[in-house]
Amino acid sequence: MQLPAIMGMEGRAKSFIQKAEHSTQCMFRMCQHYTELKAGKNGWFDGFVKVVTESGDLDAEGLKRLGHVARFAKFIRNCRHCVEHPKPQQKLVARDFRLNAEGLVELPSIEIIHGETAEPKIEFDQFMEQAIESLLRAYVELCGIIAFLLRSEGWKDSVGVAGMPPEKRRHPFVELYYVLNMGGGLQPIG
């Protein structure tokens, strides 16, 4: 009997997590440009959330969305710590195809063991799909929040940033627009 195998399964998992974390670093650099945050102890997403909260420019819903982005970025960073600084209570467990006790073949999986942001055993392809989807969603959310924060002083009371449904988009892949509230409906500017 032979089992399929993914050559270098653990290395592929580590590489994927490191690249995902590099993406969150790029998102954080966008935040640094807005707030002039310095890298360091308070220079990660928690520092950005603190600065934005203190500015009073975002409402409760915007702060909630920013909090989700910050928590996801922390999860990805902690995954990277599990890869680069493994300890018994902080590590990545990558498993290739394996035969379980019931005689069934289990698909490749990973598990993140971490005190703050553990991820139970999940199929590796599902983990990657969910991480990519979450990275894209976090990026769009962050772009919308930063665009909202960068509105001109004279427009802050009348202009917002909103996602448009596909049928209202001028360009099919551009989701966020500066908008005006006109008669109870949001109208894209430009």
N, C-alpha and C. Protein backbone atom coordinates (compact mmCIF):
# COMPACT_ATOMS: atom_id res chain seq x y z
N MET A 1 0.84 -1.18 0.00
CA MET A 1 0.00 0.00 0.00
C MET A 1 0.88 1.24 0.00
N GLN A 2 0.51 2.24 -0.78
CA GLN A 2 1.27 3.48 -0.83
C GLN A 2 0.36 4.65 -0.51
N LEU A 3 0.92 5.64 0.21
CA LEU A 3 0.21 6.87 0.50
C LEU A 3 0.78 7.98 -0.37
N PRO A 4 -0.07 8.89 -0.83
CA PRO A 4 0.47 10.06 -1.54
C PRO A 4 1.27 10.91 -0.56
N ALA A 5 2.08 11.78 -1.09
CA ALA A 5 2.88 12.66 -0.22
C ALA A 5 3.11 13.99 -0.90
N ILE A 6 3.24 15.00 -0.10
CA ILE A 6 3.63 16.32 -0.59
C ILE A 6 5.08 16.50 -0.19
N MET A 7 5.94 16.61 -1.17
CA MET A 7 7.36 16.78 -0.87
C MET A 7 7.58 18.10 -0.14
N GLY A 8 8.24 18.02 1.00
CA GLY A 8 8.56 19.23 1.75
C GLY A 8 7.33 19.90 2.36
N MET A 9 6.39 19.11 2.84
CA MET A 9 5.14 19.65 3.37
C MET A 9 5.38 20.71 4.44
N GLU A 10 6.23 20.43 5.41
CA GLU A 10 6.48 21.38 6.49
C GLU A 10 7.12 22.66 5.97
N GLY A 11 8.05 22.52 5.05
CA GLY A 11 8.69 23.70 4.45
C GLY A 11 7.69 24.56 3.68
N ARG A 12 6.77 23.93 2.97
CA ARG A 12 5.75 24.69 2.24
C ARG A 12 4.84 25.44 3.20
N ALA A 13 4.45 24.78 4.29
CA ALA A 13 3.60 25.43 5.29
C ALA A 13 4.33 26.63 5.90
N LYS A 14 5.58 26.44 6.26
CA LYS A 14 6.36 27.54 6.85
C LYS A 14 6.50 28.69 5.86
N SER A 15 6.80 28.38 4.62
CA SER A 15 6.96 29.42 3.59
C SER A 15 5.66 30.19 3.40
N PHE A 16 4.54 29.49 3.35
CA PHE A 16 3.25 30.16 3.18
C PHE A 16 2.99 31.12 4.33
N ILE A 17 3.22 30.67 5.56
CA ILE A 17 2.98 31.52 6.73
C ILE A 17 3.90 32.73 6.73
N GLN A 18 5.16 32.55 6.37
CA GLN A 18 6.09 33.68 6.32
C GLN A 18 5.66 34.70 5.27
N LYS A 19 5.20 34.23 4.12
CA LYS A 19 4.75 35.15 3.07
C LYS A 19 3.47 35.87 3.50
N ALA A 20 2.57 35.17 4.18
CA ALA A 20 1.36 35.81 4.69
C ALA A 20 1.73 36.91 5.69
N GLU A 21 2.70 36.64 6.53
CA GLU A 21 3.11 37.64 7.52
C GLU A 21 3.79 38.82 6.84
N HIS A 22 4.53 38.58 5.78
CA HIS A 22 5.12 39.70 5.01
C HIS A 22 4.02 40.59 4.45
N SER A 23 2.91 39.98 4.05
CA SER A 23 1.77 40.78 3.56
C SER A 23 1.22 41.68 4.66
N THR A 24 1.12 41.14 5.88
CA THR A 24 0.62 41.98 6.97
C THR A 24 1.62 43.09 7.29
N GLN A 25 2.90 42.85 7.11
CA GLN A 25 3.90 43.90 7.31
C GLN A 25 3.68 45.04 6.30
N CYS A 26 3.38 44.68 5.06
CA CYS A 26 3.10 45.70 4.05
C CYS A 26 1.86 46.50 4.41
N MET A 27 0.83 45.82 4.94
CA MET A 27 -0.37 46.54 5.36
C MET A 27 -0.03 47.48 6.51
N PHE A 28 0.83 47.04 7.42
CA PHE A 28 1.19 47.91 8.53
C PHE A 28 1.97 49.13 8.06
N ARG A 29 2.80 48.96 7.03
CA ARG A 29 3.53 50.13 6.50
C ARG A 29 2.56 51.19 5.98
N MET A 30 1.42 50.75 5.43
CA MET A 30 0.40 51.73 5.04
C MET A 30 -0.08 52.50 6.27
N CYS A 31 -0.29 51.79 7.36
CA CYS A 31 -0.73 52.44 8.60
C CYS A 31 0.34 53.42 9.10
N GLN A 32 1.60 53.04 8.99
CA GLN A 32 2.68 53.92 9.43
C GLN A 32 2.68 55.22 8.64
N HIS A 33 2.41 55.16 7.36
CA HIS A 33 2.37 56.38 6.55
C HIS A 33 1.27 57.31 7.03
N TYR A 34 0.16 56.75 7.45
CA TYR A 34 -0.95 57.59 7.91
C TYR A 34 -0.63 58.22 9.27
N THR A 35 -0.09 57.45 10.20
CA THR A 35 0.07 57.92 11.57
C THR A 35 1.49 58.28 11.95
N GLU A 36 2.44 57.98 11.11
CA GLU A 36 3.86 58.18 11.42
C GLU A 36 4.27 57.33 12.62
N LEU A 37 3.66 56.17 12.77
CA LEU A 37 4.05 55.23 13.82
C LEU A 37 5.45 54.71 13.51
N LYS A 38 6.23 54.53 14.52
CA LYS A 38 7.55 53.93 14.36
C LYS A 38 7.44 52.44 14.67
N ALA A 39 8.23 51.63 13.98
CA ALA A 39 8.26 50.21 14.29
C ALA A 39 8.82 50.06 15.70
N GLY A 40 8.38 49.07 16.41
CA GLY A 40 8.86 48.86 17.77
C GLY A 40 7.75 48.34 18.64
N LYS A 41 7.92 48.54 19.94
CA LYS A 41 7.00 47.95 20.91
C LYS A 41 5.54 48.30 20.65
N ASN A 42 5.21 49.57 20.42
CA ASN A 42 3.83 49.97 20.16
C ASN A 42 3.61 50.24 18.68
N GLY A 43 4.45 49.68 17.85
CA GLY A 43 4.38 50.00 16.45
C GLY A 43 3.69 48.99 15.58
N TRP A 44 3.00 48.03 16.15
CA TRP A 44 2.28 47.07 15.33
C TRP A 44 0.83 47.51 15.26
N PHE A 45 -0.07 46.71 14.81
CA PHE A 45 -1.46 47.12 14.59
C PHE A 45 -2.14 47.62 15.86
N ASP A 46 -1.76 47.09 17.01
CA ASP A 46 -2.34 47.58 18.26
C ASP A 46 -2.04 49.07 18.45
N GLY A 47 -0.83 49.48 18.08
CA GLY A 47 -0.47 50.90 18.15
C GLY A 47 -1.30 51.75 17.20
N PHE A 48 -1.56 51.22 16.01
CA PHE A 48 -2.39 51.94 15.04
C PHE A 48 -3.81 52.08 15.56
N VAL A 49 -4.36 51.01 16.13
CA VAL A 49 -5.70 51.06 16.70
C VAL A 49 -5.76 52.12 17.80
N LYS A 50 -4.73 52.16 18.63
CA LYS A 50 -4.69 53.13 19.73
C LYS A 50 -4.69 54.56 19.19
N VAL A 51 -3.85 54.84 18.20
CA VAL A 51 -3.78 56.18 17.62
C VAL A 51 -5.11 56.58 17.00
N VAL A 52 -5.72 55.68 16.24
CA VAL A 52 -6.99 55.98 15.58
C VAL A 52 -8.10 56.17 16.62
N THR A 53 -8.11 55.33 17.65
CA THR A 53 -9.11 55.47 18.71
C THR A 53 -8.98 56.83 19.39
N GLU A 54 -7.75 57.22 19.70
CA GLU A 54 -7.53 58.50 20.38
C GLU A 54 -7.88 59.69 19.49
N SER A 55 -7.76 59.53 18.18
CA SER A 55 -8.07 60.64 17.27
C SER A 55 -9.56 60.94 17.23
N GLY A 56 -10.39 59.92 17.51
CA GLY A 56 -11.84 60.11 17.47
C GLY A 56 -12.42 60.21 16.07
N ASP A 57 -11.63 59.88 15.04
CA ASP A 57 -12.09 60.01 13.67
C ASP A 57 -12.98 58.86 13.19
N LEU A 58 -12.94 57.72 13.88
CA LEU A 58 -13.75 56.57 13.47
C LEU A 58 -14.87 56.34 14.47
N ASP A 59 -16.03 55.94 13.95
CA ASP A 59 -17.14 55.59 14.83
C ASP A 59 -16.92 54.18 15.38
N ALA A 60 -17.84 53.72 16.21
CA ALA A 60 -17.72 52.42 16.86
C ALA A 60 -17.62 51.28 15.85
N GLU A 61 -18.40 51.36 14.76
CA GLU A 61 -18.37 50.29 13.74
C GLU A 61 -17.01 50.25 13.04
N GLY A 62 -16.45 51.41 12.72
CA GLY A 62 -15.14 51.47 12.09
C GLY A 62 -14.05 50.94 13.01
N LEU A 63 -14.13 51.28 14.29
CA LEU A 63 -13.15 50.77 15.25
C LEU A 63 -13.28 49.25 15.41
N LYS A 64 -14.50 48.75 15.34
CA LYS A 64 -14.72 47.31 15.43
C LYS A 64 -14.06 46.61 14.24
N ARG A 65 -14.26 47.16 13.03
CA ARG A 65 -13.65 46.57 11.83
C ARG A 65 -12.13 46.64 11.91
N LEU A 66 -11.61 47.76 12.40
CA LEU A 66 -10.15 47.90 12.55
C LEU A 66 -9.63 46.90 13.58
N GLY A 67 -10.40 46.67 14.63
CA GLY A 67 -10.02 45.67 15.63
C GLY A 67 -9.92 44.27 15.04
N HIS A 68 -10.85 43.93 14.12
CA HIS A 68 -10.79 42.62 13.46
C HIS A 68 -9.51 42.50 12.62
N VAL A 69 -9.16 43.57 11.92
CA VAL A 69 -7.93 43.56 11.11
C VAL A 69 -6.72 43.36 12.03
N ALA A 70 -6.70 44.08 13.16
CA ALA A 70 -5.57 43.98 14.10
C ALA A 70 -5.46 42.57 14.68
N ARG A 71 -6.59 41.96 15.04
CA ARG A 71 -6.56 40.60 15.59
C ARG A 71 -6.07 39.60 14.55
N PHE A 72 -6.52 39.76 13.29
CA PHE A 72 -6.07 38.84 12.25
C PHE A 72 -4.56 39.00 12.02
N ALA A 73 -4.08 40.24 11.98
CA ALA A 73 -2.64 40.48 11.79
C ALA A 73 -1.84 39.86 12.94
N LYS A 74 -2.37 39.95 14.15
CA LYS A 74 -1.69 39.34 15.31
C LYS A 74 -1.66 37.82 15.17
N PHE A 75 -2.76 37.23 14.70
CA PHE A 75 -2.80 35.79 14.48
C PHE A 75 -1.72 35.37 13.48
N ILE A 76 -1.62 36.09 12.37
CA ILE A 76 -0.62 35.75 11.35
C ILE A 76 0.79 35.93 11.91
N ARG A 77 1.01 37.01 12.66
CA ARG A 77 2.33 37.22 13.26
C ARG A 77 2.66 36.10 14.24
N ASN A 78 1.70 35.69 15.04
CA ASN A 78 1.95 34.60 15.99
C ASN A 78 2.20 33.28 15.27
N CYS A 79 1.54 33.06 14.13
CA CYS A 79 1.84 31.88 13.31
C CYS A 79 3.30 31.91 12.87
N ARG A 80 3.74 33.09 12.45
CA ARG A 80 5.14 33.22 12.04
C ARG A 80 6.08 32.96 13.20
N HIS A 81 5.72 33.43 14.40
CA HIS A 81 6.56 33.14 15.58
C HIS A 81 6.65 31.63 15.81
N CYS A 82 5.55 30.93 15.58
CA CYS A 82 5.55 29.48 15.73
C CYS A 82 6.50 28.81 14.74
N VAL A 83 6.62 29.40 13.57
CA VAL A 83 7.50 28.86 12.53
C VAL A 83 8.96 29.20 12.82
N GLU A 84 9.23 30.46 13.18
CA GLU A 84 10.61 30.92 13.30
C GLU A 84 11.19 30.78 14.70
N HIS A 85 10.35 30.70 15.72
CA HIS A 85 10.83 30.60 17.10
C HIS A 85 10.07 29.49 17.83
N PRO A 86 10.17 28.24 17.35
CA PRO A 86 9.38 27.17 17.95
C PRO A 86 9.81 26.87 19.40
N LYS A 87 8.81 26.60 20.20
CA LYS A 87 8.97 26.18 21.60
C LYS A 87 7.90 25.13 21.83
N PRO A 88 7.96 24.41 22.94
CA PRO A 88 6.91 23.40 23.18
C PRO A 88 5.49 23.98 23.16
N GLN A 89 5.30 25.20 23.67
CA GLN A 89 3.97 25.80 23.72
C GLN A 89 3.71 26.77 22.57
N GLN A 90 4.64 26.82 21.61
CA GLN A 90 4.51 27.75 20.48
C GLN A 90 5.18 27.08 19.27
N LYS A 91 4.37 26.39 18.47
CA LYS A 91 4.97 25.69 17.34
C LYS A 91 3.93 25.39 16.27
N LEU A 92 4.44 25.05 15.10
CA LEU A 92 3.62 24.62 13.97
C LEU A 92 3.76 23.11 13.87
N VAL A 93 2.63 22.43 13.74
CA VAL A 93 2.64 20.99 13.52
C VAL A 93 2.07 20.76 12.13
N ALA A 94 2.92 20.31 11.21
CA ALA A 94 2.50 20.05 9.83
C ALA A 94 2.50 18.54 9.61
N ARG A 95 1.40 18.03 9.09
CA ARG A 95 1.29 16.58 8.85
C ARG A 95 0.97 16.35 7.38
N ASP A 96 1.69 15.42 6.79
CA ASP A 96 1.44 15.03 5.40
C ASP A 96 0.27 14.04 5.40
N PHE A 97 -0.04 13.47 4.23
CA PHE A 97 -1.06 12.42 4.18
C PHE A 97 -0.69 11.36 5.21
N ARG A 98 -1.69 10.85 5.91
CA ARG A 98 -1.41 9.78 6.88
C ARG A 98 -2.61 8.87 7.02
N LEU A 99 -2.32 7.67 7.43
CA LEU A 99 -3.35 6.66 7.65
C LEU A 99 -3.75 6.74 9.12
N ASN A 100 -5.05 6.95 9.40
CA ASN A 100 -5.48 7.04 10.80
C ASN A 100 -5.86 5.67 11.34
N ALA A 101 -6.29 5.63 12.60
CA ALA A 101 -6.59 4.36 13.27
C ALA A 101 -7.77 3.61 12.63
N GLU A 102 -8.66 4.36 11.96
CA GLU A 102 -9.81 3.72 11.30
C GLU A 102 -9.45 3.21 9.91
N GLY A 103 -8.23 3.39 9.49
CA GLY A 103 -7.81 2.94 8.18
C GLY A 103 -8.12 3.92 7.05
N LEU A 104 -8.47 5.15 7.40
CA LEU A 104 -8.77 6.18 6.40
C LEU A 104 -7.55 7.08 6.20
N VAL A 105 -7.42 7.58 5.01
CA VAL A 105 -6.31 8.48 4.71
C VAL A 105 -6.71 9.90 5.07
N GLU A 106 -5.94 10.53 5.94
CA GLU A 106 -6.17 11.92 6.31
C GLU A 106 -5.39 12.82 5.36
N LEU A 107 -6.01 13.92 4.99
CA LEU A 107 -5.36 14.88 4.10
C LEU A 107 -4.30 15.67 4.87
N PRO A 108 -3.35 16.29 4.16
CA PRO A 108 -2.33 17.10 4.84
C PRO A 108 -3.00 18.17 5.70
N SER A 109 -2.44 18.39 6.87
CA SER A 109 -3.03 19.34 7.81
C SER A 109 -1.93 20.08 8.55
N ILE A 110 -2.35 21.19 9.15
CA ILE A 110 -1.45 21.91 10.05
C ILE A 110 -2.22 22.25 11.31
N GLU A 111 -1.46 22.51 12.34
CA GLU A 111 -2.01 22.93 13.62
C GLU A 111 -1.06 23.99 14.17
N ILE A 112 -1.62 25.07 14.67
CA ILE A 112 -0.83 26.13 15.27
C ILE A 112 -1.02 26.03 16.77
N ILE A 113 0.06 25.75 17.47
CA ILE A 113 0.01 25.69 18.93
C ILE A 113 0.59 26.99 19.46
N HIS A 114 -0.28 27.79 20.05
CA HIS A 114 0.13 29.11 20.56
C HIS A 114 -0.84 29.50 21.67
N GLY A 115 -0.34 30.05 22.73
CA GLY A 115 -1.16 30.41 23.88
C GLY A 115 -2.26 31.41 23.58
N GLU A 116 -1.99 32.40 22.73
CA GLU A 116 -2.97 33.45 22.44
C GLU A 116 -3.84 33.15 21.23
N THR A 117 -3.23 32.62 20.19
CA THR A 117 -3.94 32.49 18.91
C THR A 117 -3.75 31.09 18.32
N ALA A 118 -4.21 30.09 19.02
CA ALA A 118 -4.08 28.72 18.54
C ALA A 118 -5.03 28.49 17.36
N GLU A 119 -4.64 27.59 16.49
CA GLU A 119 -5.50 27.16 15.39
C GLU A 119 -5.54 25.63 15.47
N PRO A 120 -6.72 25.06 15.75
CA PRO A 120 -6.78 23.60 15.82
C PRO A 120 -6.45 22.97 14.47
N LYS A 121 -6.21 21.69 14.50
CA LYS A 121 -5.84 20.97 13.29
C LYS A 121 -6.84 21.27 12.18
N ILE A 122 -6.31 21.69 11.03
CA ILE A 122 -7.14 22.04 9.87
C ILE A 122 -6.42 21.55 8.62
N GLU A 123 -7.19 21.15 7.62
CA GLU A 123 -6.56 20.72 6.36
C GLU A 123 -5.76 21.88 5.80
N PHE A 124 -4.59 21.57 5.30
CA PHE A 124 -3.65 22.60 4.86
C PHE A 124 -4.23 23.46 3.75
N ASP A 125 -4.92 22.87 2.78
CA ASP A 125 -5.48 23.67 1.69
C ASP A 125 -6.59 24.60 2.20
N GLN A 126 -7.37 24.16 3.18
CA GLN A 126 -8.40 25.03 3.76
C GLN A 126 -7.77 26.20 4.52
N PHE A 127 -6.69 25.90 5.25
CA PHE A 127 -5.99 26.96 5.97
C PHE A 127 -5.49 28.02 5.00
N MET A 128 -4.87 27.57 3.91
CA MET A 128 -4.35 28.52 2.93
C MET A 128 -5.46 29.34 2.29
N GLU A 129 -6.54 28.70 1.89
CA GLU A 129 -7.66 29.42 1.27
C GLU A 129 -8.24 30.46 2.22
N GLN A 130 -8.47 30.05 3.48
CA GLN A 130 -9.03 30.98 4.46
C GLN A 130 -8.07 32.12 4.76
N ALA A 131 -6.78 31.81 4.85
CA ALA A 131 -5.79 32.86 5.13
C ALA A 131 -5.72 33.87 3.98
N ILE A 132 -5.72 33.38 2.75
CA ILE A 132 -5.67 34.29 1.59
C ILE A 132 -6.92 35.15 1.54
N GLU A 133 -8.08 34.53 1.73
CA GLU A 133 -9.33 35.29 1.72
C GLU A 133 -9.34 36.34 2.84
N SER A 134 -8.87 35.96 4.02
CA SER A 134 -8.82 36.90 5.15
C SER A 134 -7.81 38.01 4.93
N LEU A 135 -6.67 37.70 4.31
CA LEU A 135 -5.68 38.73 3.98
C LEU A 135 -6.28 39.75 3.03
N LEU A 136 -6.96 39.27 2.00
CA LEU A 136 -7.57 40.19 1.03
C LEU A 136 -8.64 41.04 1.68
N ARG A 137 -9.49 40.43 2.51
CA ARG A 137 -10.55 41.18 3.20
C ARG A 137 -9.94 42.21 4.14
N ALA A 138 -8.89 41.82 4.88
CA ALA A 138 -8.23 42.75 5.81
C ALA A 138 -7.62 43.92 5.05
N TYR A 139 -7.03 43.65 3.89
CA TYR A 139 -6.43 44.70 3.08
C TYR A 139 -7.49 45.69 2.61
N VAL A 140 -8.61 45.18 2.11
CA VAL A 140 -9.69 46.05 1.63
C VAL A 140 -10.24 46.88 2.80
N GLU A 141 -10.46 46.24 3.95
CA GLU A 141 -10.95 46.96 5.13
C GLU A 141 -9.98 48.08 5.51
N LEU A 142 -8.70 47.74 5.54
CA LEU A 142 -7.69 48.72 5.94
C LEU A 142 -7.62 49.88 4.95
N CYS A 143 -7.69 49.57 3.65
CA CYS A 143 -7.69 50.64 2.65
C CYS A 143 -8.89 51.56 2.84
N GLY A 144 -10.05 50.98 3.10
CA GLY A 144 -11.25 51.79 3.33
C GLY A 144 -11.13 52.66 4.56
N ILE A 145 -10.59 52.11 5.63
CA ILE A 145 -10.43 52.87 6.87
C ILE A 145 -9.45 54.01 6.68
N ILE A 146 -8.32 53.72 6.05
CA ILE A 146 -7.31 54.77 5.84
C ILE A 146 -7.86 55.83 4.89
N ALA A 147 -8.55 55.43 3.83
CA ALA A 147 -9.14 56.42 2.91
C ALA A 147 -10.13 57.30 3.66
N PHE A 148 -10.92 56.71 4.55
CA PHE A 148 -11.88 57.48 5.34
C PHE A 148 -11.15 58.48 6.24
N LEU A 149 -10.05 58.04 6.84
CA LEU A 149 -9.30 58.92 7.75
C LEU A 149 -8.59 60.05 7.02
N LEU A 150 -8.32 59.86 5.73
CA LEU A 150 -7.57 60.86 4.96
C LEU A 150 -8.46 61.86 4.23
N ARG A 151 -9.77 61.88 4.50
CA ARG A 151 -10.65 62.84 3.85
C ARG A 151 -10.20 64.27 4.16
N SER A 152 -10.40 65.15 3.22
CA SER A 152 -10.05 66.56 3.41
C SER A 152 -10.88 67.14 4.55
N GLU A 153 -10.30 68.08 5.25
CA GLU A 153 -10.95 68.69 6.41
C GLU A 153 -12.35 69.21 6.10
N GLY A 154 -12.53 69.88 4.99
CA GLY A 154 -13.82 70.45 4.64
C GLY A 154 -14.88 69.44 4.25
N TRP A 155 -14.48 68.20 3.99
CA TRP A 155 -15.42 67.17 3.52
C TRP A 155 -15.76 66.14 4.58
N LYS A 156 -15.18 66.25 5.76
CA LYS A 156 -15.34 65.19 6.76
C LYS A 156 -16.78 64.93 7.16
N ASP A 157 -17.63 65.95 7.14
CA ASP A 157 -19.02 65.75 7.56
C ASP A 157 -19.92 65.22 6.46
N SER A 158 -19.51 65.33 5.21
CA SER A 158 -20.42 64.95 4.13
C SER A 158 -19.93 63.80 3.25
N VAL A 159 -18.68 63.42 3.36
CA VAL A 159 -18.12 62.37 2.50
C VAL A 159 -17.72 61.17 3.35
N GLY A 160 -18.04 59.99 2.86
CA GLY A 160 -17.64 58.76 3.53
C GLY A 160 -16.98 57.82 2.55
N VAL A 161 -16.67 56.64 3.00
CA VAL A 161 -16.11 55.59 2.17
C VAL A 161 -17.00 54.38 2.35
N ALA A 162 -17.42 53.77 1.25
CA ALA A 162 -18.31 52.62 1.33
C ALA A 162 -18.01 51.62 0.22
N GLY A 163 -18.32 50.37 0.50
CA GLY A 163 -18.24 49.34 -0.52
C GLY A 163 -19.49 49.40 -1.38
N MET A 164 -19.31 49.31 -2.66
CA MET A 164 -20.43 49.36 -3.59
C MET A 164 -20.75 47.95 -4.09
N PRO A 165 -22.04 47.63 -4.23
CA PRO A 165 -22.39 46.34 -4.82
C PRO A 165 -21.92 46.30 -6.27
N PRO A 166 -21.65 45.13 -6.80
CA PRO A 166 -21.11 45.03 -8.17
C PRO A 166 -21.89 45.80 -9.22
N GLU A 167 -23.20 45.86 -9.12
CA GLU A 167 -23.99 46.54 -10.16
C GLU A 167 -23.83 48.07 -10.10
N LYS A 168 -23.34 48.62 -9.00
CA LYS A 168 -23.16 50.08 -8.89
C LYS A 168 -21.71 50.51 -9.14
N ARG A 169 -20.83 49.57 -9.36
CA ARG A 169 -19.41 49.90 -9.51
C ARG A 169 -19.11 50.41 -10.90
N ARG A 170 -18.30 51.42 -10.98
CA ARG A 170 -17.85 51.94 -12.26
C ARG A 170 -16.84 50.97 -12.88
N HIS A 171 -15.99 50.40 -12.02
CA HIS A 171 -15.01 49.40 -12.44
C HIS A 171 -15.29 48.14 -11.63
N PRO A 172 -15.43 46.99 -12.27
CA PRO A 172 -15.93 45.79 -11.57
C PRO A 172 -15.09 45.34 -10.38
N PHE A 173 -13.79 45.61 -10.38
CA PHE A 173 -12.94 45.13 -9.30
C PHE A 173 -12.62 46.20 -8.27
N VAL A 174 -13.18 47.39 -8.43
CA VAL A 174 -12.98 48.46 -7.45
C VAL A 174 -14.18 48.44 -6.52
N GLU A 175 -13.97 47.99 -5.30
CA GLU A 175 -15.06 47.80 -4.35
C GLU A 175 -15.38 49.05 -3.55
N LEU A 176 -14.36 49.82 -3.16
CA LEU A 176 -14.56 50.96 -2.28
C LEU A 176 -14.56 52.27 -3.05
N TYR A 177 -15.45 53.17 -2.64
CA TYR A 177 -15.56 54.48 -3.27
C TYR A 177 -15.77 55.53 -2.19
N TYR A 178 -15.29 56.74 -2.47
CA TYR A 178 -15.74 57.88 -1.68
C TYR A 178 -17.19 58.11 -2.09
N VAL A 179 -18.05 58.35 -1.11
CA VAL A 179 -19.48 58.48 -1.40
C VAL A 179 -20.08 59.70 -0.69
N LEU A 180 -21.19 60.17 -1.27
CA LEU A 180 -22.03 61.19 -0.67
C LEU A 180 -23.38 60.56 -0.37
N ASN A 181 -24.00 60.99 0.73
CA ASN A 181 -25.35 60.53 1.03
C ASN A 181 -26.30 61.48 0.33
N MET A 182 -26.97 60.98 -0.70
CA MET A 182 -27.89 61.82 -1.49
C MET A 182 -29.28 61.18 -1.44
N GLY A 183 -30.17 61.82 -0.71
CA GLY A 183 -31.54 61.33 -0.63
C GLY A 183 -31.64 59.97 0.02
N GLY A 184 -30.77 59.67 0.98
CA GLY A 184 -30.82 58.39 1.66
C GLY A 184 -30.04 57.27 0.98
N GLY A 185 -29.52 57.53 -0.23
CA GLY A 185 -28.72 56.53 -0.93
C GLY A 185 -27.28 57.00 -1.10
N LEU A 186 -26.35 56.09 -1.04
CA LEU A 186 -24.95 56.44 -1.20
C LEU A 186 -24.60 56.51 -2.68
N GLN A 187 -24.05 57.64 -3.10
CA GLN A 187 -23.66 57.83 -4.49
C GLN A 187 -22.14 58.00 -4.56
N PRO A 188 -21.48 57.19 -5.39
CA PRO A 188 -20.05 57.34 -5.54
C PRO A 188 -19.69 58.72 -6.10
N ILE A 189 -18.57 59.25 -5.64
CA ILE A 189 -18.08 60.54 -6.14
C ILE A 189 -17.17 60.26 -7.33
N GLY A 190 -17.33 61.02 -8.38
CA GLY A 190 -16.44 60.91 -9.52
C GLY A 190 -16.95 60.03 -10.63
